[in-house]
């Protein structure tokens, strides 16, 4: 509802802020700006304006921009964990298509949210030693390890499961970067993603010594 002076009442962003939704609103605004401009090219004041609150309001929840970005990364990683866990549930344990689906989910996240993908791995480097980020990263990678271990009939703490999961991750991660940077397209790479994922998983997960 709009008053005669043009200000919003009722369900406006400011009302939502006063009801305690500022943190979620601010993170949503920051994510939009990260996708549009990159993590280095916006201010917290700009995010506050987009969220419909004063420039001082964000500091009720965050000490500075760095803390805002960390919270956004934690939220994004939680989202990845949830989506990867959901796609795993669509296939029975041990099914190679379960692992291929994880790879596709990872690449889809990078393609659909390139700004956030860059931020997640950029902040991971700049916050080396941050326990929260390390724990989230381990949880994400742990999903892949668990899927590989089940496929190979190994326990999740078997070093061989971790080794092969890491190989799969590096290939999928590299392809994600090549995709969002446009390098794959520049090189004329044009074949179904399912074909690539199947070839990689068949190669990496082949039973045997695999160079150990």
N, C-alpha and C. Protein backbone atom coordinates (compact mmCIF):
# COMPACT_ATOMS: atom_id res chain seq x y z
N UNK A 1 0.85 -1.20 0.00
CA UNK A 1 0.00 0.00 0.00
C UNK A 1 0.88 1.24 0.00
N UNK A 2 0.56 2.25 -0.81
CA UNK A 2 1.36 3.46 -0.91
C UNK A 2 0.64 4.61 -0.25
N UNK A 3 1.35 5.43 0.51
CA UNK A 3 0.79 6.64 1.07
C UNK A 3 0.82 7.72 0.01
N UNK A 4 0.22 8.90 0.31
CA UNK A 4 0.18 9.99 -0.66
C UNK A 4 1.54 10.52 -1.00
N UNK A 5 2.51 10.35 -0.12
CA UNK A 5 3.86 10.84 -0.39
C UNK A 5 4.69 9.82 -1.16
N UNK A 6 4.09 8.67 -1.50
CA UNK A 6 4.80 7.69 -2.31
C UNK A 6 5.55 6.66 -1.52
N UNK A 7 5.60 6.77 -0.19
CA UNK A 7 6.31 5.77 0.60
C UNK A 7 5.46 4.54 0.75
N UNK A 8 6.11 3.40 0.97
CA UNK A 8 5.40 2.13 1.06
C UNK A 8 5.08 1.79 2.51
N UNK A 9 3.89 1.25 2.71
CA UNK A 9 3.51 0.78 4.04
C UNK A 9 3.09 -0.66 3.93
N UNK A 10 2.61 -1.23 5.03
CA UNK A 10 2.13 -2.61 4.98
C UNK A 10 3.26 -3.59 4.82
N UNK A 11 3.34 -4.24 3.65
CA UNK A 11 4.33 -5.29 3.42
C UNK A 11 5.59 -4.77 2.76
N UNK A 12 5.96 -3.53 3.01
CA UNK A 12 7.15 -2.96 2.39
C UNK A 12 8.41 -3.59 2.93
N UNK A 13 9.52 -3.37 2.22
CA UNK A 13 10.82 -3.89 2.67
C UNK A 13 11.17 -3.34 4.04
N UNK A 14 10.85 -2.06 4.27
CA UNK A 14 11.19 -1.49 5.57
C UNK A 14 10.41 -2.17 6.69
N UNK A 15 9.14 -2.47 6.44
CA UNK A 15 8.36 -3.17 7.45
C UNK A 15 8.94 -4.55 7.71
N UNK A 16 9.36 -5.22 6.64
CA UNK A 16 9.97 -6.54 6.80
C UNK A 16 11.24 -6.43 7.62
N UNK A 17 12.00 -5.35 7.39
CA UNK A 17 13.21 -5.14 8.16
C UNK A 17 12.88 -5.03 9.65
N UNK A 18 11.84 -4.24 9.96
CA UNK A 18 11.48 -4.05 11.36
C UNK A 18 10.96 -5.33 11.99
N UNK A 19 10.56 -6.29 11.16
CA UNK A 19 10.11 -7.57 11.69
C UNK A 19 11.25 -8.59 11.73
N UNK A 20 12.46 -8.13 11.55
CA UNK A 20 13.61 -8.99 11.76
C UNK A 20 14.13 -9.71 10.53
N UNK A 21 13.73 -9.27 9.32
CA UNK A 21 14.17 -9.94 8.10
C UNK A 21 15.34 -9.25 7.42
N UNK A 22 15.95 -8.31 8.10
CA UNK A 22 17.02 -7.54 7.48
C UNK A 22 18.15 -8.43 6.98
N UNK A 23 18.57 -9.38 7.79
CA UNK A 23 19.72 -10.21 7.42
C UNK A 23 19.47 -10.94 6.10
N UNK A 24 18.31 -11.56 5.99
CA UNK A 24 17.98 -12.29 4.76
C UNK A 24 17.84 -11.34 3.58
N UNK A 25 17.21 -10.18 3.80
CA UNK A 25 17.06 -9.19 2.73
C UNK A 25 18.41 -8.69 2.25
N UNK A 26 19.28 -8.41 3.19
CA UNK A 26 20.59 -7.88 2.83
C UNK A 26 21.39 -8.91 2.04
N UNK A 27 21.38 -10.16 2.49
CA UNK A 27 22.13 -11.20 1.77
C UNK A 27 21.58 -11.41 0.37
N UNK A 28 20.28 -11.31 0.23
CA UNK A 28 19.67 -11.42 -1.10
C UNK A 28 20.14 -10.28 -2.00
N UNK A 29 20.17 -9.08 -1.46
CA UNK A 29 20.62 -7.93 -2.24
C UNK A 29 22.09 -8.05 -2.60
N UNK A 30 22.90 -8.50 -1.66
CA UNK A 30 24.32 -8.67 -1.92
C UNK A 30 24.55 -9.72 -3.00
N UNK A 31 23.80 -10.81 -2.94
CA UNK A 31 23.96 -11.85 -3.96
C UNK A 31 23.64 -11.31 -5.35
N UNK A 32 22.60 -10.49 -5.45
CA UNK A 32 22.26 -9.88 -6.73
C UNK A 32 23.41 -9.01 -7.24
N UNK A 33 24.00 -8.24 -6.34
CA UNK A 33 25.09 -7.35 -6.72
C UNK A 33 26.34 -8.13 -7.09
N UNK A 34 26.61 -9.22 -6.39
CA UNK A 34 27.76 -10.06 -6.72
C UNK A 34 27.61 -10.61 -8.12
N UNK A 35 26.42 -11.03 -8.49
CA UNK A 35 26.19 -11.55 -9.84
C UNK A 35 26.29 -10.46 -10.89
N UNK A 36 25.86 -9.28 -10.55
CA UNK A 36 25.87 -8.18 -11.52
C UNK A 36 27.23 -7.52 -11.67
N UNK A 37 27.95 -7.35 -10.53
CA UNK A 37 29.15 -6.53 -10.53
C UNK A 37 30.41 -7.24 -10.08
N UNK A 38 30.27 -8.37 -9.39
CA UNK A 38 31.43 -9.01 -8.78
C UNK A 38 31.55 -8.58 -7.33
N UNK A 39 32.22 -9.40 -6.55
CA UNK A 39 32.30 -9.16 -5.10
C UNK A 39 33.09 -7.92 -4.73
N UNK A 40 33.95 -7.46 -5.61
CA UNK A 40 34.80 -6.31 -5.27
C UNK A 40 34.20 -4.98 -5.68
N UNK A 41 33.10 -5.00 -6.41
CA UNK A 41 32.65 -3.78 -7.08
C UNK A 41 31.32 -3.23 -6.58
N UNK A 42 31.01 -3.43 -5.32
CA UNK A 42 29.82 -2.83 -4.75
C UNK A 42 30.11 -2.49 -3.29
N UNK A 43 29.26 -1.66 -2.72
CA UNK A 43 29.41 -1.27 -1.31
C UNK A 43 28.25 -1.80 -0.50
N UNK A 44 28.45 -1.86 0.81
CA UNK A 44 27.38 -2.27 1.70
C UNK A 44 26.25 -1.25 1.66
N UNK A 45 26.60 0.02 1.49
CA UNK A 45 25.57 1.06 1.39
C UNK A 45 24.68 0.81 0.17
N UNK A 46 25.29 0.37 -0.93
CA UNK A 46 24.53 0.06 -2.13
C UNK A 46 23.60 -1.12 -1.89
N UNK A 47 24.10 -2.13 -1.20
CA UNK A 47 23.27 -3.30 -0.87
C UNK A 47 22.12 -2.89 0.04
N UNK A 48 22.40 -2.01 0.99
CA UNK A 48 21.35 -1.55 1.92
C UNK A 48 20.25 -0.82 1.16
N UNK A 49 20.64 0.03 0.21
CA UNK A 49 19.64 0.74 -0.59
C UNK A 49 18.77 -0.24 -1.36
N UNK A 50 19.40 -1.25 -1.93
CA UNK A 50 18.63 -2.23 -2.69
C UNK A 50 17.70 -3.02 -1.77
N UNK A 51 18.14 -3.27 -0.55
CA UNK A 51 17.31 -3.99 0.41
C UNK A 51 16.23 -3.10 1.00
N UNK A 52 16.32 -1.78 0.77
CA UNK A 52 15.31 -0.87 1.26
C UNK A 52 15.49 -0.44 2.70
N UNK A 53 16.74 -0.42 3.17
CA UNK A 53 17.01 -0.02 4.55
C UNK A 53 18.09 1.04 4.57
N UNK A 54 18.33 1.61 5.73
CA UNK A 54 19.35 2.65 5.85
C UNK A 54 20.75 2.04 5.70
N UNK A 55 21.71 2.87 5.38
CA UNK A 55 23.09 2.39 5.20
C UNK A 55 23.70 1.90 6.51
N UNK A 56 23.12 2.32 7.64
CA UNK A 56 23.63 1.88 8.95
C UNK A 56 23.01 0.56 9.40
N UNK A 57 21.87 0.21 8.84
CA UNK A 57 21.14 -0.97 9.31
C UNK A 57 21.92 -2.28 9.21
N UNK A 58 22.68 -2.52 8.13
CA UNK A 58 23.40 -3.80 8.04
C UNK A 58 24.34 -4.07 9.20
N UNK A 59 24.83 -3.02 9.83
CA UNK A 59 25.82 -3.20 10.89
C UNK A 59 25.18 -3.65 12.21
N UNK A 60 23.87 -3.84 12.19
CA UNK A 60 23.22 -4.49 13.32
C UNK A 60 23.53 -5.99 13.31
N UNK A 61 23.88 -6.50 12.13
CA UNK A 61 24.11 -7.94 11.97
C UNK A 61 25.54 -8.29 11.57
N UNK A 62 26.22 -7.38 10.91
CA UNK A 62 27.56 -7.66 10.39
C UNK A 62 28.53 -6.54 10.75
N UNK A 63 29.76 -6.94 11.04
CA UNK A 63 30.77 -5.95 11.42
C UNK A 63 31.24 -5.14 10.22
N UNK A 64 31.36 -5.81 9.05
CA UNK A 64 31.89 -5.14 7.87
C UNK A 64 31.51 -5.94 6.62
N UNK A 65 31.97 -5.46 5.47
CA UNK A 65 31.65 -6.11 4.20
C UNK A 65 32.21 -7.52 4.15
N UNK A 66 33.39 -7.70 4.70
CA UNK A 66 34.01 -9.01 4.69
C UNK A 66 33.13 -10.04 5.41
N UNK A 67 32.54 -9.63 6.51
CA UNK A 67 31.68 -10.53 7.27
C UNK A 67 30.38 -10.82 6.50
N UNK A 68 29.89 -9.84 5.77
CA UNK A 68 28.70 -10.04 4.93
C UNK A 68 29.00 -11.09 3.86
N UNK A 69 30.14 -10.96 3.20
CA UNK A 69 30.49 -11.88 2.13
C UNK A 69 30.70 -13.30 2.66
N UNK A 70 31.30 -13.40 3.84
CA UNK A 70 31.48 -14.72 4.42
C UNK A 70 30.12 -15.37 4.70
N UNK A 71 29.19 -14.60 5.23
CA UNK A 71 27.85 -15.13 5.51
C UNK A 71 27.18 -15.58 4.22
N UNK A 72 27.38 -14.82 3.16
CA UNK A 72 26.79 -15.17 1.88
C UNK A 72 27.39 -16.46 1.33
N UNK A 73 28.70 -16.61 1.49
CA UNK A 73 29.36 -17.84 1.04
C UNK A 73 28.88 -19.04 1.84
N UNK A 74 28.75 -18.88 3.14
CA UNK A 74 28.24 -19.98 3.96
C UNK A 74 26.84 -20.39 3.52
N UNK A 75 26.02 -19.40 3.20
CA UNK A 75 24.66 -19.67 2.73
C UNK A 75 24.69 -20.40 1.39
N UNK A 76 25.56 -19.96 0.48
CA UNK A 76 25.66 -20.59 -0.83
C UNK A 76 26.15 -22.03 -0.72
N UNK A 77 27.10 -22.26 0.16
CA UNK A 77 27.62 -23.62 0.34
C UNK A 77 26.57 -24.53 0.95
N UNK A 78 25.77 -23.99 1.86
CA UNK A 78 24.65 -24.76 2.41
C UNK A 78 23.69 -25.15 1.30
N UNK A 79 23.44 -24.21 0.40
CA UNK A 79 22.55 -24.46 -0.73
C UNK A 79 23.10 -25.57 -1.62
N UNK A 80 24.41 -25.53 -1.85
CA UNK A 80 25.04 -26.57 -2.66
C UNK A 80 24.93 -27.94 -1.99
N UNK A 81 25.18 -27.97 -0.68
CA UNK A 81 25.09 -29.23 0.06
C UNK A 81 23.68 -29.80 -0.04
N UNK A 82 22.68 -28.94 0.12
CA UNK A 82 21.30 -29.40 0.05
C UNK A 82 20.94 -29.92 -1.34
N UNK A 83 21.37 -29.19 -2.38
CA UNK A 83 21.03 -29.61 -3.74
C UNK A 83 21.77 -30.88 -4.14
N UNK A 84 23.02 -31.02 -3.72
CA UNK A 84 23.79 -32.22 -4.03
C UNK A 84 23.22 -33.42 -3.28
N UNK A 85 22.82 -33.22 -2.04
CA UNK A 85 22.22 -34.30 -1.27
C UNK A 85 20.90 -34.74 -1.89
N UNK A 86 20.12 -33.76 -2.38
CA UNK A 86 18.83 -34.07 -2.99
C UNK A 86 19.00 -34.87 -4.27
N UNK A 87 19.98 -34.49 -5.10
CA UNK A 87 20.16 -35.20 -6.37
C UNK A 87 20.71 -36.60 -6.14
N UNK A 88 21.51 -36.78 -5.09
CA UNK A 88 22.00 -38.11 -4.74
C UNK A 88 20.84 -39.05 -4.40
N UNK A 89 19.83 -38.50 -3.75
CA UNK A 89 18.70 -39.32 -3.30
C UNK A 89 17.87 -39.86 -4.46
N UNK A 90 18.10 -39.33 -5.66
CA UNK A 90 17.34 -39.77 -6.82
C UNK A 90 17.87 -41.08 -7.40
N UNK A 91 19.05 -41.51 -6.95
CA UNK A 91 19.68 -42.72 -7.48
C UNK A 91 20.07 -43.64 -6.33
N UNK A 92 20.11 -44.93 -6.57
CA UNK A 92 20.49 -45.86 -5.49
C UNK A 92 21.98 -45.78 -5.20
N UNK A 93 22.39 -46.05 -3.97
CA UNK A 93 23.81 -46.06 -3.62
C UNK A 93 24.59 -47.00 -4.55
N UNK A 94 25.75 -46.54 -4.99
CA UNK A 94 26.59 -47.35 -5.85
C UNK A 94 26.36 -47.11 -7.32
N UNK A 95 25.25 -46.50 -7.69
CA UNK A 95 24.94 -46.22 -9.10
C UNK A 95 25.87 -45.12 -9.61
N UNK A 96 26.53 -45.37 -10.74
CA UNK A 96 27.44 -44.37 -11.28
C UNK A 96 26.70 -43.11 -11.70
N UNK A 97 25.43 -43.23 -12.06
CA UNK A 97 24.65 -42.06 -12.44
C UNK A 97 24.47 -41.10 -11.26
N UNK A 98 24.58 -41.64 -10.07
CA UNK A 98 24.51 -40.80 -8.87
C UNK A 98 25.70 -39.84 -8.85
N UNK A 99 26.86 -40.34 -9.20
CA UNK A 99 28.07 -39.52 -9.22
C UNK A 99 28.03 -38.54 -10.38
N UNK A 100 27.54 -38.99 -11.54
CA UNK A 100 27.40 -38.09 -12.67
C UNK A 100 26.45 -36.94 -12.35
N UNK A 101 25.38 -37.25 -11.61
CA UNK A 101 24.41 -36.23 -11.24
C UNK A 101 25.03 -35.19 -10.30
N UNK A 102 25.91 -35.64 -9.42
CA UNK A 102 26.62 -34.69 -8.55
C UNK A 102 27.47 -33.73 -9.37
N UNK A 103 28.16 -34.27 -10.37
CA UNK A 103 28.97 -33.43 -11.23
C UNK A 103 28.14 -32.41 -11.98
N UNK A 104 27.00 -32.85 -12.49
CA UNK A 104 26.13 -31.94 -13.21
C UNK A 104 25.60 -30.84 -12.28
N UNK A 105 25.24 -31.21 -11.07
CA UNK A 105 24.73 -30.23 -10.11
C UNK A 105 25.78 -29.16 -9.82
N UNK A 106 27.02 -29.58 -9.69
CA UNK A 106 28.13 -28.66 -9.41
C UNK A 106 28.33 -27.70 -10.57
N UNK A 107 28.34 -28.25 -11.79
CA UNK A 107 28.55 -27.43 -12.98
C UNK A 107 27.36 -26.49 -13.20
N UNK A 108 26.16 -26.97 -12.94
CA UNK A 108 24.97 -26.13 -13.07
C UNK A 108 25.03 -24.95 -12.12
N UNK A 109 25.51 -25.19 -10.89
CA UNK A 109 25.62 -24.09 -9.94
C UNK A 109 26.57 -23.02 -10.47
N UNK A 110 27.70 -23.44 -10.99
CA UNK A 110 28.68 -22.49 -11.53
C UNK A 110 28.09 -21.72 -12.71
N UNK A 111 27.42 -22.41 -13.61
CA UNK A 111 26.85 -21.77 -14.79
C UNK A 111 25.71 -20.81 -14.43
N UNK A 112 24.87 -21.22 -13.47
CA UNK A 112 23.72 -20.40 -13.10
C UNK A 112 24.06 -19.27 -12.15
N UNK A 113 25.15 -19.42 -11.40
CA UNK A 113 25.54 -18.40 -10.41
C UNK A 113 27.06 -18.14 -10.51
N UNK A 114 27.52 -17.66 -11.65
CA UNK A 114 28.98 -17.49 -11.83
C UNK A 114 29.62 -16.54 -10.83
N UNK A 115 28.91 -15.47 -10.47
CA UNK A 115 29.46 -14.54 -9.49
C UNK A 115 29.65 -15.19 -8.14
N UNK A 116 28.66 -15.95 -7.72
CA UNK A 116 28.75 -16.64 -6.44
C UNK A 116 29.81 -17.74 -6.48
N UNK A 117 29.92 -18.43 -7.61
CA UNK A 117 30.92 -19.49 -7.73
C UNK A 117 32.32 -18.89 -7.56
N UNK A 118 32.55 -17.76 -8.19
CA UNK A 118 33.86 -17.09 -8.05
C UNK A 118 34.07 -16.62 -6.62
N UNK A 119 33.03 -16.11 -6.01
CA UNK A 119 33.15 -15.62 -4.63
C UNK A 119 33.45 -16.75 -3.67
N UNK A 120 32.76 -17.88 -3.81
CA UNK A 120 32.96 -19.01 -2.90
C UNK A 120 34.42 -19.43 -2.88
N UNK A 121 35.02 -19.56 -4.04
CA UNK A 121 36.40 -20.04 -4.07
C UNK A 121 37.41 -18.92 -3.87
N UNK A 122 37.03 -17.69 -4.17
CA UNK A 122 37.91 -16.57 -3.88
C UNK A 122 38.03 -16.33 -2.39
N UNK A 123 36.90 -16.35 -1.69
CA UNK A 123 36.93 -16.10 -0.25
C UNK A 123 37.55 -17.27 0.49
N UNK A 124 37.44 -18.47 -0.07
CA UNK A 124 38.07 -19.63 0.56
C UNK A 124 39.58 -19.46 0.60
N UNK A 125 40.13 -18.86 -0.46
CA UNK A 125 41.57 -18.63 -0.50
C UNK A 125 41.97 -17.51 0.45
N UNK A 126 41.17 -16.43 0.48
CA UNK A 126 41.54 -15.28 1.32
C UNK A 126 41.26 -15.52 2.80
N UNK A 127 40.45 -16.55 3.11
CA UNK A 127 40.14 -16.88 4.50
C UNK A 127 40.74 -18.22 4.88
N UNK A 128 41.92 -18.48 4.38
CA UNK A 128 42.58 -19.75 4.69
C UNK A 128 42.72 -19.88 6.21
N UNK A 129 42.25 -21.00 6.74
CA UNK A 129 42.30 -21.21 8.17
C UNK A 129 40.99 -20.91 8.88
N UNK A 130 40.01 -20.36 8.16
CA UNK A 130 38.71 -20.09 8.76
C UNK A 130 38.00 -21.42 9.01
N UNK A 131 37.71 -21.71 10.25
CA UNK A 131 37.15 -23.02 10.62
C UNK A 131 35.75 -23.24 10.03
N UNK A 132 34.94 -22.20 10.01
CA UNK A 132 33.59 -22.34 9.47
C UNK A 132 33.62 -22.71 8.00
N UNK A 133 34.41 -21.98 7.22
CA UNK A 133 34.50 -22.24 5.79
C UNK A 133 35.12 -23.60 5.52
N UNK A 134 36.12 -23.95 6.31
CA UNK A 134 36.77 -25.25 6.14
C UNK A 134 35.78 -26.38 6.39
N UNK A 135 34.95 -26.20 7.42
CA UNK A 135 33.96 -27.23 7.75
C UNK A 135 32.93 -27.37 6.65
N UNK A 136 32.48 -26.25 6.09
CA UNK A 136 31.51 -26.30 5.00
C UNK A 136 32.11 -26.93 3.74
N UNK A 137 33.37 -26.57 3.46
CA UNK A 137 34.04 -27.16 2.31
C UNK A 137 34.19 -28.66 2.46
N UNK A 138 34.55 -29.10 3.65
CA UNK A 138 34.70 -30.53 3.92
C UNK A 138 33.37 -31.26 3.78
N UNK A 139 32.30 -30.61 4.21
CA UNK A 139 30.98 -31.23 4.10
C UNK A 139 30.57 -31.40 2.64
N UNK A 140 30.88 -30.40 1.82
CA UNK A 140 30.55 -30.48 0.40
C UNK A 140 31.35 -31.57 -0.28
N UNK A 141 32.65 -31.59 -0.06
CA UNK A 141 33.51 -32.61 -0.65
C UNK A 141 33.16 -33.99 -0.09
N UNK A 142 32.72 -34.02 1.16
CA UNK A 142 32.36 -35.29 1.79
C UNK A 142 31.23 -36.00 1.07
N UNK A 143 30.32 -35.24 0.47
CA UNK A 143 29.24 -35.84 -0.30
C UNK A 143 29.80 -36.64 -1.47
N UNK A 144 30.78 -36.07 -2.15
CA UNK A 144 31.40 -36.76 -3.29
C UNK A 144 32.16 -37.99 -2.82
N UNK A 145 32.90 -37.83 -1.73
CA UNK A 145 33.66 -38.97 -1.19
C UNK A 145 32.71 -40.12 -0.85
N UNK A 146 31.62 -39.78 -0.21
CA UNK A 146 30.67 -40.82 0.19
C UNK A 146 30.08 -41.55 -1.02
N UNK A 147 29.74 -40.80 -2.06
CA UNK A 147 29.18 -41.41 -3.26
C UNK A 147 30.20 -42.31 -3.95
N UNK A 148 31.45 -41.86 -4.00
CA UNK A 148 32.52 -42.67 -4.61
C UNK A 148 32.78 -43.92 -3.79
N UNK A 149 32.83 -43.78 -2.48
CA UNK A 149 33.07 -44.92 -1.61
C UNK A 149 31.99 -45.99 -1.78
N UNK A 150 30.75 -45.55 -1.86
CA UNK A 150 29.65 -46.50 -2.04
C UNK A 150 29.76 -47.20 -3.39
N UNK A 151 30.16 -46.47 -4.40
CA UNK A 151 30.30 -47.07 -5.73
C UNK A 151 31.40 -48.13 -5.75
N UNK A 152 32.48 -47.85 -5.02
CA UNK A 152 33.62 -48.76 -5.02
C UNK A 152 33.52 -49.83 -3.94
N UNK A 153 32.51 -49.73 -3.09
CA UNK A 153 32.38 -50.69 -2.01
C UNK A 153 33.41 -50.48 -0.92
N UNK A 154 33.78 -49.23 -0.69
CA UNK A 154 34.78 -48.89 0.32
C UNK A 154 34.11 -48.10 1.45
N UNK A 155 34.81 -47.98 2.56
CA UNK A 155 34.33 -47.11 3.62
C UNK A 155 34.65 -45.66 3.25
N UNK A 156 33.89 -44.73 3.79
CA UNK A 156 34.07 -43.33 3.44
C UNK A 156 35.40 -42.77 3.88
N UNK A 157 36.05 -43.42 4.85
CA UNK A 157 37.35 -42.93 5.32
C UNK A 157 38.52 -43.64 4.64
N UNK A 158 38.24 -44.44 3.62
CA UNK A 158 39.31 -45.10 2.87
C UNK A 158 40.02 -44.07 2.00
N UNK A 159 41.34 -43.96 2.09
CA UNK A 159 42.08 -42.97 1.30
C UNK A 159 41.84 -43.11 -0.20
N UNK A 160 41.55 -44.32 -0.66
CA UNK A 160 41.31 -44.51 -2.10
C UNK A 160 40.02 -43.81 -2.54
N UNK A 161 39.03 -43.82 -1.68
CA UNK A 161 37.78 -43.11 -2.01
C UNK A 161 38.04 -41.61 -2.10
N UNK A 162 38.82 -41.10 -1.17
CA UNK A 162 39.15 -39.67 -1.18
C UNK A 162 39.97 -39.32 -2.41
N UNK A 163 40.92 -40.17 -2.76
CA UNK A 163 41.79 -39.89 -3.91
C UNK A 163 40.99 -39.80 -5.20
N UNK A 164 40.12 -40.77 -5.41
CA UNK A 164 39.35 -40.78 -6.66
C UNK A 164 38.30 -39.66 -6.66
N UNK A 165 37.73 -39.37 -5.49
CA UNK A 165 36.78 -38.26 -5.40
C UNK A 165 37.48 -36.94 -5.73
N UNK A 166 38.71 -36.81 -5.29
CA UNK A 166 39.45 -35.58 -5.57
C UNK A 166 39.73 -35.44 -7.07
N UNK A 167 40.07 -36.52 -7.72
CA UNK A 167 40.31 -36.48 -9.17
C UNK A 167 39.03 -36.04 -9.89
N UNK A 168 37.91 -36.62 -9.50
CA UNK A 168 36.64 -36.24 -10.11
C UNK A 168 36.35 -34.75 -9.87
N UNK A 169 36.59 -34.30 -8.65
CA UNK A 169 36.32 -32.90 -8.31
C UNK A 169 37.17 -31.96 -9.15
N UNK A 170 38.46 -32.26 -9.30
CA UNK A 170 39.32 -31.35 -10.06
C UNK A 170 38.87 -31.23 -11.51
N UNK A 171 38.42 -32.33 -12.09
CA UNK A 171 37.99 -32.28 -13.49
C UNK A 171 36.69 -31.48 -13.61
N UNK A 172 35.73 -31.75 -12.75
CA UNK A 172 34.46 -31.04 -12.80
C UNK A 172 34.65 -29.56 -12.44
N UNK A 173 35.50 -29.30 -11.46
CA UNK A 173 35.77 -27.92 -11.06
C UNK A 173 36.44 -27.15 -12.20
N UNK A 174 37.41 -27.78 -12.84
CA UNK A 174 38.08 -27.14 -13.96
C UNK A 174 37.11 -26.85 -15.10
N UNK A 175 36.24 -27.80 -15.40
CA UNK A 175 35.27 -27.58 -16.46
C UNK A 175 34.31 -26.44 -16.09
N UNK A 176 33.98 -26.34 -14.81
CA UNK A 176 33.10 -25.26 -14.36
C UNK A 176 33.72 -23.90 -14.64
N UNK A 177 35.01 -23.75 -14.30
CA UNK A 177 35.69 -22.49 -14.56
C UNK A 177 35.78 -22.21 -16.06
N UNK A 178 36.12 -23.21 -16.85
CA UNK A 178 36.22 -23.03 -18.29
C UNK A 178 34.87 -22.62 -18.88
N UNK A 179 33.80 -23.13 -18.30
CA UNK A 179 32.46 -22.80 -18.77
C UNK A 179 32.10 -21.36 -18.46
N UNK A 180 32.26 -20.93 -17.20
CA UNK A 180 31.84 -19.58 -16.84
C UNK A 180 32.78 -18.51 -17.40
N UNK A 181 34.01 -18.89 -17.71
CA UNK A 181 34.94 -17.94 -18.33
C UNK A 181 34.83 -17.93 -19.85
N UNK A 182 33.98 -18.79 -20.38
CA UNK A 182 33.76 -18.82 -21.82
C UNK A 182 34.84 -19.51 -22.62
N UNK A 183 35.79 -20.15 -21.93
CA UNK A 183 36.91 -20.78 -22.63
C UNK A 183 36.47 -22.03 -23.41
N UNK A 184 35.55 -22.80 -22.84
CA UNK A 184 35.08 -24.00 -23.53
C UNK A 184 34.43 -23.63 -24.86
N UNK A 185 33.62 -22.58 -24.83
CA UNK A 185 32.94 -22.12 -26.05
C UNK A 185 33.94 -21.61 -27.07
N UNK A 186 34.96 -20.86 -26.58
CA UNK A 186 35.97 -20.32 -27.48
C UNK A 186 36.74 -21.42 -28.21
N UNK A 187 36.92 -22.54 -27.54
CA UNK A 187 37.65 -23.65 -28.13
C UNK A 187 36.76 -24.56 -28.98
N UNK A 188 35.51 -24.17 -29.13
CA UNK A 188 34.61 -24.95 -29.95
C UNK A 188 34.19 -26.27 -29.34
N UNK A 189 34.30 -26.37 -28.00
CA UNK A 189 33.89 -27.59 -27.31
C UNK A 189 32.37 -27.61 -27.26
N UNK A 190 31.79 -28.57 -27.94
CA UNK A 190 30.33 -28.62 -28.02
C UNK A 190 29.87 -30.07 -28.09
N UNK A 191 29.75 -30.69 -26.93
CA UNK A 191 29.19 -32.04 -26.85
C UNK A 191 28.42 -32.15 -25.55
N UNK A 192 27.51 -33.08 -25.46
CA UNK A 192 26.65 -33.16 -24.27
C UNK A 192 27.45 -33.30 -22.99
N UNK A 193 27.01 -32.57 -21.97
CA UNK A 193 27.68 -32.65 -20.67
C UNK A 193 27.60 -34.07 -20.12
N UNK A 194 26.49 -34.73 -20.36
CA UNK A 194 26.34 -36.11 -19.88
C UNK A 194 27.41 -37.02 -20.46
N UNK A 195 27.81 -36.75 -21.69
CA UNK A 195 28.85 -37.56 -22.34
C UNK A 195 30.19 -37.37 -21.65
N UNK A 196 30.51 -36.12 -21.32
CA UNK A 196 31.76 -35.84 -20.63
C UNK A 196 31.78 -36.46 -19.24
N UNK A 197 30.70 -36.27 -18.50
CA UNK A 197 30.64 -36.78 -17.13
C UNK A 197 30.73 -38.31 -17.11
N UNK A 198 30.07 -38.94 -18.05
CA UNK A 198 30.12 -40.40 -18.12
C UNK A 198 31.52 -40.89 -18.43
N UNK A 199 32.19 -40.23 -19.37
CA UNK A 199 33.55 -40.62 -19.73
C UNK A 199 34.50 -40.47 -18.56
N UNK A 200 34.36 -39.35 -17.83
CA UNK A 200 35.24 -39.08 -16.69
C UNK A 200 35.00 -40.10 -15.57
N UNK A 201 33.75 -40.32 -15.23
CA UNK A 201 33.47 -41.24 -14.13
C UNK A 201 33.88 -42.66 -14.48
N UNK A 202 33.65 -43.07 -15.70
CA UNK A 202 34.06 -44.42 -16.10
C UNK A 202 35.56 -44.59 -16.01
N UNK A 203 36.30 -43.55 -16.35
CA UNK A 203 37.75 -43.60 -16.30
C UNK A 203 38.27 -43.60 -14.87
N UNK A 204 37.78 -42.68 -14.06
CA UNK A 204 38.30 -42.50 -12.71
C UNK A 204 37.84 -43.60 -11.77
N UNK A 205 36.64 -44.10 -11.99
CA UNK A 205 36.08 -45.08 -11.06
C UNK A 205 36.27 -46.52 -11.49
N UNK A 206 37.02 -46.74 -12.56
CA UNK A 206 37.28 -48.11 -12.99
C UNK A 206 37.93 -48.88 -11.85
N UNK A 207 37.44 -50.07 -11.57
CA UNK A 207 37.98 -50.88 -10.50
C UNK A 207 39.44 -51.24 -10.79
N UNK A 208 40.21 -51.35 -9.75
CA UNK A 208 41.63 -51.70 -9.93
C UNK A 208 42.53 -50.75 -9.20
N UNK A 209 43.79 -50.85 -9.46
CA UNK A 209 44.80 -50.08 -8.74
C UNK A 209 44.74 -48.60 -9.07
N UNK A 210 44.46 -48.24 -10.32
CA UNK A 210 44.37 -46.85 -10.79
C UNK A 210 45.59 -46.02 -10.43
N UNK A 211 46.77 -46.64 -10.44
CA UNK A 211 48.01 -45.90 -10.22
C UNK A 211 48.37 -45.70 -8.80
N UNK A 212 47.66 -46.35 -7.89
CA UNK A 212 47.98 -46.17 -6.47
C UNK A 212 49.34 -46.75 -6.16
